[in-house]
Amino acid sequence: MNKETVPMFKFIVVGDQSVGKSSFVKQYSESIFIETHKPTIGVEFVKKIVVVDKRRVELQIWDTAGQEQFRSMIKSFYRGAAGVFVLYGVNQRDSFEKLNEWLQELQESAHEEIVKILVGNKSDLERDVSKKEAEKFMNDNNFSLFFETSAKTGENVEKAFVEAVKLVIMRMFTSESFKNSIKTIKKTPANSRQNTSRNEPIDDVAQSSKPIQLQVTPQNQQKQEKQCC
């Protein structure tokens, strides 16, 4: 058995409903794309071991719901996060215009030095948001990285995560405050994937034997499928 241990970085994926957050995570974790699937209820997570610059790192990637009714619950999941991917759809101007709401939430709930990555997803579709204005938004709001991605084709998805990991490692060496703010639990490497919905974050999701389901009112139990790209 491999006794090597690796650090763990926690990443959060946020953004408006239907921008393809779940497809973005699934493309990175499993290299597959599902044309349609149900909206995320609350929060789901994925675990993946990666090797970046010869360093083995375990990523905990938390895929959050975009619906307004889950916002207050999701805020607690920023605790201990090393990075956050803020998604919009390049074909959905309304999702781009709502980015300021997500930035406000970040300012209220996340560490001030959290690595922020702006992601324009659905780059395979006809665009409604130009790359130039997205780059301006990135620079005006102190994002560290910006990528246009396609969860369908895989374009730039892996690159976004790899560059984010590199930046987290660099920031750990340059900022003691940032290093102390994130969870870096050392674990034995293991490729695995788990999904769950929870009412609050936990320090080590691997220790949980079964998920805690969110309490959702009937009107919010939408059964319609959404298009994710």
C-alpha atoms as a PDB file:
ATOM      1  CA  MET A   1       0.000   0.000   0.000  1.00  0.00           C
ATOM      2  CA  ASN A   2       1.248   3.454  -0.866  1.00  0.00           C
ATOM      3  CA  LYS A   3       1.934   5.308   2.379  1.00  0.00           C
ATOM      4  CA  GLU A   4       2.669   8.615   0.673  1.00  0.00           C
ATOM      5  CA  THR A   5       0.550  11.484   1.948  1.00  0.00           C
ATOM      6  CA  VAL A   6      -0.605  14.525   0.035  1.00  0.00           C
ATOM      7  CA  PRO A   7      -2.080  17.905   0.958  1.00  0.00           C
ATOM      8  CA  MET A   8      -5.741  18.623   0.287  1.00  0.00           C
ATOM      9  CA  PHE A   9      -7.035  21.824  -1.328  1.00  0.00           C
ATOM     10  CA  LYS A  10     -10.673  22.817  -1.184  1.00  0.00           C
ATOM     11  CA  PHE A  11     -12.159  24.482  -4.285  1.00  0.00           C
ATOM     12  CA  ILE A  12     -15.659  25.956  -4.563  1.00  0.00           C
ATOM     13  CA  VAL A  13     -17.576  26.308  -7.844  1.00  0.00           C
ATOM     14  CA  VAL A  14     -20.248  29.024  -7.861  1.00  0.00           C
ATOM     15  CA  GLY A  15     -22.352  30.882 -10.385  1.00  0.00           C
ATOM     16  CA  ASP A  16     -25.887  31.428 -11.593  1.00  0.00           C
ATOM     17  CA  GLN A  17     -28.222  28.529 -12.281  1.00  0.00           C
ATOM     18  CA  SER A  18     -27.755  26.741 -15.633  1.00  0.00           C
ATOM     19  CA  VAL A  19     -24.256  28.049 -16.426  1.00  0.00           C
ATOM     20  CA  GLY A  20     -22.953  24.464 -16.430  1.00  0.00           C
ATOM     21  CA  LYS A  21     -21.209  24.216 -13.045  1.00  0.00           C
ATOM     22  CA  SER A  22     -21.964  20.508 -12.596  1.00  0.00           C
ATOM     23  CA  SER A  23     -20.931  19.728 -16.175  1.00  0.00           C
ATOM     24  CA  PHE A  24     -17.730  21.731 -15.663  1.00  0.00           C
ATOM     25  CA  VAL A  25     -16.859  19.666 -12.583  1.00  0.00           C
ATOM     26  CA  LYS A  26     -17.879  16.372 -14.196  1.00  0.00           C
ATOM     27  CA  GLN A  27     -15.787  17.055 -17.286  1.00  0.00           C
ATOM     28  CA  TYR A  28     -12.743  17.666 -15.106  1.00  0.00           C
ATOM     29  CA  SER A  29     -13.273  14.774 -12.698  1.00  0.00           C
ATOM     30  CA  GLU A  30     -14.453  12.099 -15.149  1.00  0.00           C
ATOM     31  CA  SER A  31     -13.810  13.500 -18.647  1.00  0.00           C
ATOM     32  CA  ILE A  32     -17.434  13.005 -19.625  1.00  0.00           C
ATOM     33  CA  PHE A  33     -20.287  15.282 -20.608  1.00  0.00           C
ATOM     34  CA  ILE A  34     -23.979  14.644 -20.016  1.00  0.00           C
ATOM     35  CA  GLU A  35     -26.253  16.671 -22.281  1.00  0.00           C
ATOM     36  CA  THR A  36     -28.945  17.183 -19.649  1.00  0.00           C
ATOM     37  CA  HIS A  37     -29.191  16.586 -15.940  1.00  0.00           C
ATOM     38  CA  LYS A  38     -31.175  17.796 -12.962  1.00  0.00           C
ATOM     39  CA  PRO A  39     -30.235  20.984 -11.081  1.00  0.00           C
ATOM     40  CA  THR A  40     -27.874  20.615  -8.139  1.00  0.00           C
ATOM     41  CA  ILE A  41     -29.753  20.609  -4.841  1.00  0.00           C
ATOM     42  CA  GLY A  42     -27.584  22.308  -2.230  1.00  0.00           C
ATOM     43  CA  VAL A  43     -23.967  21.182  -2.603  1.00  0.00           C
ATOM     44  CA  GLU A  44     -22.211  18.188  -4.154  1.00  0.00           C
ATOM     45  CA  PHE A  45     -18.526  17.366  -4.021  1.00  0.00           C
ATOM     46  CA  VAL A  46     -15.912  15.483  -5.958  1.00  0.00           C
ATOM     47  CA  LYS A  47     -12.457  14.287  -4.889  1.00  0.00           C
ATOM     48  CA  LYS A  48      -9.549  13.916  -7.281  1.00  0.00           C
ATOM     49  CA  ILE A  49      -5.802  13.354  -6.970  1.00  0.00           C
ATOM     50  CA  VAL A  50      -3.734  15.485  -9.355  1.00  0.00           C
ATOM     51  CA  VAL A  51      -0.031  15.901 -10.046  1.00  0.00           C
ATOM     52  CA  VAL A  52       1.059  19.485 -10.683  1.00  0.00           C
ATOM     53  CA  ASP A  53       4.748  20.350 -11.069  1.00  0.00           C
ATOM     54  CA  LYS A  54       5.581  16.907  -9.634  1.00  0.00           C
ATOM     55  CA  ARG A  55       3.470  17.593  -6.541  1.00  0.00           C
ATOM     56  CA  ARG A  56       0.599  15.266  -5.661  1.00  0.00           C
ATOM     57  CA  VAL A  57      -2.434  17.125  -4.385  1.00  0.00           C
ATOM     58  CA  GLU A  58      -5.920  15.969  -3.473  1.00  0.00           C
ATOM     59  CA  LEU A  59      -8.661  18.350  -4.590  1.00  0.00           C
ATOM     60  CA  GLN A  60     -12.031  18.604  -2.915  1.00  0.00           C
ATOM     61  CA  ILE A  61     -14.250  20.335  -5.470  1.00  0.00           C
ATOM     62  CA  TRP A  62     -17.563  21.610  -4.132  1.00  0.00           C
ATOM     63  CA  ASP A  63     -20.244  22.121  -6.778  1.00  0.00           C
ATOM     64  CA  THR A  64     -22.886  24.527  -5.450  1.00  0.00           C
ATOM     65  CA  ALA A  65     -26.490  25.195  -6.440  1.00  0.00           C
ATOM     66  CA  GLY A  66     -27.184  28.430  -8.266  1.00  0.00           C
ATOM     67  CA  GLN A  67     -30.733  28.869  -6.955  1.00  0.00           C
ATOM     68  CA  GLU A  68     -31.365  31.818  -4.664  1.00  0.00           C
ATOM     69  CA  GLN A  69     -32.923  29.701  -1.892  1.00  0.00           C
ATOM     70  CA  PHE A  70     -29.592  27.948  -1.234  1.00  0.00           C
ATOM     71  CA  ARG A  71     -27.427  31.078  -1.007  1.00  0.00           C
ATOM     72  CA  SER A  72     -27.408  31.439   2.784  1.00  0.00           C
ATOM     73  CA  MET A  73     -26.474  27.787   3.286  1.00  0.00           C
ATOM     74  CA  ILE A  74     -23.722  27.862   0.655  1.00  0.00           C
ATOM     75  CA  LYS A  75     -21.941  30.799   2.309  1.00  0.00           C
ATOM     76  CA  SER A  76     -20.627  28.518   5.056  1.00  0.00           C
ATOM     77  CA  PHE A  77     -18.798  26.351   2.502  1.00  0.00           C
ATOM     78  CA  TYR A  78     -16.293  29.105   1.733  1.00  0.00           C
ATOM     79  CA  ARG A  79     -14.608  28.408   5.068  1.00  0.00           C
ATOM     80  CA  GLY A  80     -11.191  26.868   4.488  1.00  0.00           C
ATOM     81  CA  ALA A  81     -11.418  27.133   0.693  1.00  0.00           C
ATOM     82  CA  ALA A  82      -8.192  27.760  -1.216  1.00  0.00           C
ATOM     83  CA  GLY A  83      -9.861  28.811  -4.451  1.00  0.00           C
ATOM     84  CA  VAL A  84     -13.199  29.649  -6.017  1.00  0.00           C
ATOM     85  CA  PHE A  85     -14.296  29.235  -9.638  1.00  0.00           C
ATOM     86  CA  VAL A  86     -16.928  31.840 -10.503  1.00  0.00           C
ATOM     87  CA  LEU A  87     -18.823  30.731 -13.620  1.00  0.00           C
ATOM     88  CA  TYR A  88     -21.022  32.490 -16.128  1.00  0.00           C
ATOM     89  CA  GLY A  89     -22.227  31.357 -19.551  1.00  0.00           C
ATOM     90  CA  VAL A  90     -20.685  33.142 -22.518  1.00  0.00           C
ATOM     91  CA  ASN A  91     -24.083  32.695 -24.196  1.00  0.00           C
ATOM     92  CA  GLN A  92     -26.030  33.979 -21.162  1.00  0.00           C
ATOM     93  CA  ARG A  93     -25.604  37.716 -20.584  1.00  0.00           C
ATOM     94  CA  ASP A  94     -27.846  37.659 -17.546  1.00  0.00           C
ATOM     95  CA  SER A  95     -25.440  35.232 -15.810  1.00  0.00           C
ATOM     96  CA  PHE A  96     -22.561  37.616 -16.571  1.00  0.00           C
ATOM     97  CA  GLU A  97     -24.486  40.582 -15.218  1.00  0.00           C
ATOM     98  CA  LYS A  98     -25.125  38.730 -11.957  1.00  0.00           C
ATOM     99  CA  LEU A  99     -21.414  38.181 -11.281  1.00  0.00           C
ATOM    100  CA  ASN A 100     -21.370  41.193  -8.956  1.00  0.00           C
ATOM    101  CA  GLU A 101     -23.773  39.365  -6.658  1.00  0.00           C
ATOM    102  CA  TRP A 102     -21.353  36.452  -6.372  1.00  0.00           C
ATOM    103  CA  LEU A 103     -18.467  38.849  -5.736  1.00  0.00           C
ATOM    104  CA  GLN A 104     -20.430  40.450  -2.910  1.00  0.00           C
ATOM    105  CA  GLU A 105     -20.962  37.009  -1.396  1.00  0.00           C
ATOM    106  CA  LEU A 106     -17.249  36.265  -1.718  1.00  0.00           C
ATOM    107  CA  GLN A 107     -16.320  39.466   0.074  1.00  0.00           C
ATOM    108  CA  GLU A 108     -18.670  38.607   2.910  1.00  0.00           C
ATOM    109  CA  SER A 109     -17.821  34.919   3.325  1.00  0.00           C
ATOM    110  CA  ALA A 110     -14.385  34.012   1.901  1.00  0.00           C
ATOM    111  CA  HIS A 111     -10.840  34.817   2.986  1.00  0.00           C
ATOM    112  CA  GLU A 112      -9.628  38.011   1.328  1.00  0.00           C
ATOM    113  CA  GLU A 113      -6.727  36.168  -0.335  1.00  0.00           C
ATOM    114  CA  ILE A 114      -8.740  33.274  -1.745  1.00  0.00           C
ATOM    115  CA  VAL A 115      -7.658  32.473  -5.308  1.00  0.00           C
ATOM    116  CA  LYS A 116     -10.437  33.703  -7.614  1.00  0.00           C
ATOM    117  CA  ILE A 117     -10.841  32.200 -11.090  1.00  0.00           C
ATOM    118  CA  LEU A 118     -13.347  33.691 -13.538  1.00  0.00           C
ATOM    119  CA  VAL A 119     -14.724  31.111 -15.961  1.00  0.00           C
ATOM    120  CA  GLY A 120     -16.806  31.813 -19.057  1.00  0.00           C
ATOM    121  CA  ASN A 121     -18.342  28.408 -19.717  1.00  0.00           C
ATOM    122  CA  LYS A 122     -20.182  27.170 -22.845  1.00  0.00           C
ATOM    123  CA  SER A 123     -17.584  28.565 -25.235  1.00  0.00           C
ATOM    124  CA  ASP A 124     -18.808  26.076 -27.847  1.00  0.00           C
ATOM    125  CA  LEU A 125     -22.077  28.027 -28.179  1.00  0.00           C
ATOM    126  CA  GLU A 126     -22.869  31.341 -29.816  1.00  0.00           C
ATOM    127  CA  ARG A 127     -21.604  34.030 -27.479  1.00  0.00           C
ATOM    128  CA  ASP A 128     -23.527  36.882 -25.905  1.00  0.00           C
ATOM    129  CA  VAL A 129     -20.591  38.098 -23.786  1.00  0.00           C
ATOM    130  CA  SER A 130     -17.352  39.170 -25.453  1.00  0.00           C
ATOM    131  CA  LYS A 131     -14.001  37.975 -24.203  1.00  0.00           C
ATOM    132  CA  LYS A 132     -12.812  41.586 -24.008  1.00  0.00           C
ATOM    133  CA  GLU A 133     -15.505  42.660 -21.549  1.00  0.00           C
ATOM    134  CA  ALA A 134     -14.945  39.527 -19.462  1.00  0.00           C
ATOM    135  CA  GLU A 135     -11.227  40.307 -19.263  1.00  0.00           C
ATOM    136  CA  LYS A 136     -12.087  43.844 -18.145  1.00  0.00           C
ATOM    137  CA  PHE A 137     -14.355  42.446 -15.444  1.00  0.00           C
ATOM    138  CA  MET A 138     -11.549  40.142 -14.324  1.00  0.00           C
ATOM    139  CA  ASN A 139      -9.029  42.986 -14.034  1.00  0.00           C
ATOM    140  CA  ASP A 140     -11.468  45.386 -12.385  1.00  0.00           C
ATOM    141  CA  ASN A 141     -12.345  42.853  -9.701  1.00  0.00           C
ATOM    142  CA  ASN A 142      -8.930  41.344  -8.918  1.00  0.00           C
ATOM    143  CA  PHE A 143      -9.450  37.861 -10.275  1.00  0.00           C
ATOM    144  CA  SER A 144      -6.219  35.887 -10.487  1.00  0.00           C
ATOM    145  CA  LEU A 145      -7.139  33.878 -13.586  1.00  0.00           C
ATOM    146  CA  PHE A 146      -9.669  33.900 -16.420  1.00  0.00           C
ATOM    147  CA  PHE A 147     -10.604  31.095 -18.814  1.00  0.00           C
ATOM    148  CA  GLU A 148     -13.250  30.513 -21.418  1.00  0.00           C
ATOM    149  CA  THR A 149     -14.172  26.843 -21.213  1.00  0.00           C
ATOM    150  CA  SER A 150     -16.494  24.272 -22.688  1.00  0.00           C
ATOM    151  CA  ALA A 151     -17.703  21.520 -20.409  1.00  0.00           C
ATOM    152  CA  LYS A 152     -18.935  19.775 -23.556  1.00  0.00           C
ATOM    153  CA  THR A 153     -15.666  19.647 -25.516  1.00  0.00           C
ATOM    154  CA  GLY A 154     -13.343  19.899 -22.515  1.00  0.00           C
ATOM    155  CA  GLU A 155     -11.666  23.065 -23.807  1.00  0.00           C
ATOM    156  CA  ASN A 156      -9.552  24.682 -21.058  1.00  0.00           C
ATOM    157  CA  VAL A 157     -11.323  22.789 -18.258  1.00  0.00           C
ATOM    158  CA  GLU A 158      -8.283  20.861 -17.033  1.00  0.00           C
ATOM    159  CA  LYS A 159      -6.032  23.854 -17.646  1.00  0.00           C
ATOM    160  CA  ALA A 160      -8.197  25.996 -15.370  1.00  0.00           C
ATOM    161  CA  PHE A 161      -7.788  23.572 -12.468  1.00  0.00           C
ATOM    162  CA  VAL A 162      -4.072  23.009 -13.042  1.00  0.00           C
ATOM    163  CA  GLU A 163      -3.316  26.730 -13.092  1.00  0.00           C
ATOM    164  CA  ALA A 164      -5.467  27.237 -10.012  1.00  0.00           C
ATOM    165  CA  VAL A 165      -3.507  24.577  -8.092  1.00  0.00           C
ATOM    166  CA  LYS A 166      -0.213  26.177  -9.122  1.00  0.00           C
ATOM    167  CA  LEU A 167      -1.404  29.546  -7.866  1.00  0.00           C
ATOM    168  CA  VAL A 168      -2.599  28.116  -4.550  1.00  0.00           C
ATOM    169  CA  ILE A 169       0.791  26.487  -3.958  1.00  0.00           C
ATOM    170  CA  MET A 170       2.578  29.728  -4.802  1.00  0.00           C
ATOM    171  CA  ARG A 171       0.337  31.765  -2.525  1.00  0.00           C
ATOM    172  CA  MET A 172       0.930  29.349   0.339  1.00  0.00           C
ATOM    173  CA  PHE A 173       4.639  30.135   0.144  1.00  0.00           C
ATOM    174  CA  THR A 174       4.159  33.897  -0.081  1.00  0.00           C
ATOM    175  CA  SER A 175       1.335  34.520   2.393  1.00  0.00           C
ATOM    176  CA  GLU A 176       1.248  33.081   5.895  1.00  0.00           C
ATOM    177  CA  SER A 177      -2.252  34.471   6.373  1.00  0.00           C
ATOM    178  CA  PHE A 178      -3.541  32.620   3.312  1.00  0.00           C
ATOM    179  CA  LYS A 179      -1.750  29.425   4.315  1.00  0.00           C
ATOM    180  CA  ASN A 180      -3.335  29.514   7.764  1.00  0.00           C
ATOM    181  CA  SER A 181      -6.789  30.194   6.338  1.00  0.00           C
ATOM    182  CA  ILE A 182      -7.075  27.093   4.150  1.00  0.00           C
ATOM    183  CA  LYS A 183      -7.542  23.440   5.005  1.00  0.00           C
ATOM    184  CA  THR A 184      -4.599  21.308   3.912  1.00  0.00           C
ATOM    185  CA  ILE A 185      -5.367  17.991   5.584  1.00  0.00           C
ATOM    186  CA  LYS A 186      -2.805  15.396   4.562  1.00  0.00           C
ATOM    187  CA  LYS A 187      -4.265  12.147   3.280  1.00  0.00           C
ATOM    188  CA  THR A 188      -3.180   8.905   1.656  1.00  0.00           C
ATOM    189  CA  PRO A 189      -3.694   9.178  -2.126  1.00  0.00           C
ATOM    190  CA  ALA A 190      -6.816   7.551  -3.510  1.00  0.00           C
ATOM    191  CA  ASN A 191      -8.764   8.328  -6.622  1.00  0.00           C
ATOM    192  CA  SER A 192     -12.399   8.551  -5.612  1.00  0.00           C
ATOM    193  CA  ARG A 193     -15.585  10.444  -6.252  1.00  0.00           C
ATOM    194  CA  GLN A 194     -18.440  11.198  -3.902  1.00  0.00           C
ATOM    195  CA  ASN A 195     -21.575  13.324  -4.128  1.00  0.00           C
ATOM    196  CA  THR A 196     -23.620  14.610  -1.213  1.00  0.00           C
ATOM    197  CA  SER A 197     -25.914  17.376  -0.085  1.00  0.00           C
ATOM    198  CA  ARG A 198     -25.196  18.883   3.310  1.00  0.00           C
ATOM    199  CA  ASN A 199     -26.483  21.552   5.645  1.00  0.00           C
ATOM    200  CA  GLU A 200     -22.989  22.611   6.714  1.00  0.00           C
ATOM    201  CA  PRO A 201     -19.370  21.946   5.679  1.00  0.00           C
ATOM    202  CA  ILE A 202     -17.236  19.344   7.423  1.00  0.00           C
ATOM    203  CA  ASP A 203     -13.481  19.153   7.844  1.00  0.00           C
ATOM    204  CA  ASP A 204     -13.030  15.769   6.220  1.00  0.00           C
ATOM    205  CA  VAL A 205     -15.792  14.565   3.941  1.00  0.00           C
ATOM    206  CA  ALA A 206     -14.216  11.125   3.656  1.00  0.00           C
ATOM    207  CA  GLN A 207     -15.192  10.447   7.266  1.00  0.00           C
ATOM    208  CA  SER A 208     -18.902  10.814   6.572  1.00  0.00           C
ATOM    209  CA  SER A 209     -20.689   7.535   5.956  1.00  0.00           C
ATOM    210  CA  LYS A 210     -23.867   8.908   4.389  1.00  0.00           C
ATOM    211  CA  PRO A 211     -25.099  12.259   3.075  1.00  0.00           C
ATOM    212  CA  ILE A 212     -27.317  14.671   4.950  1.00  0.00           C
ATOM    213  CA  GLN A 213     -30.178  15.694   2.675  1.00  0.00           C
ATOM    214  CA  LEU A 214     -31.299  19.302   2.527  1.00  0.00           C
ATOM    215  CA  GLN A 215     -34.842  20.139   3.536  1.00  0.00           C
ATOM    216  CA  VAL A 216     -36.475  21.566   0.408  1.00  0.00           C
ATOM    217  CA  THR A 217     -40.042  22.823   0.151  1.00  0.00           C
ATOM    218  CA  PRO A 218     -42.232  21.177  -2.483  1.00  0.00           C
ATOM    219  CA  GLN A 219     -42.200  24.264  -4.687  1.00  0.00           C
ATOM    220  CA  ASN A 220     -38.434  24.051  -4.905  1.00  0.00           C
ATOM    221  CA  GLN A 221     -38.387  20.373  -5.796  1.00  0.00           C
ATOM    222  CA  GLN A 222     -38.308  21.089  -9.491  1.00  0.00           C
ATOM    223  CA  LYS A 223     -38.174  17.976 -11.621  1.00  0.00           C
ATOM    224  CA  GLN A 224     -37.537  19.664 -14.915  1.00  0.00           C
ATOM    225  CA  GLU A 225     -34.184  19.006 -16.491  1.00  0.00           C
ATOM    226  CA  LYS A 226     -31.845  21.816 -17.453  1.00  0.00           C
ATOM    227  CA  GLN A 227     -29.507  22.188 -20.382  1.00  0.00           C
ATOM    228  CA  CYS A 228     -25.891  22.191 -19.267  1.00  0.00           C
ATOM    229  CA  CYS A 229     -22.902  22.968 -21.493  1.00  0.00           C
END
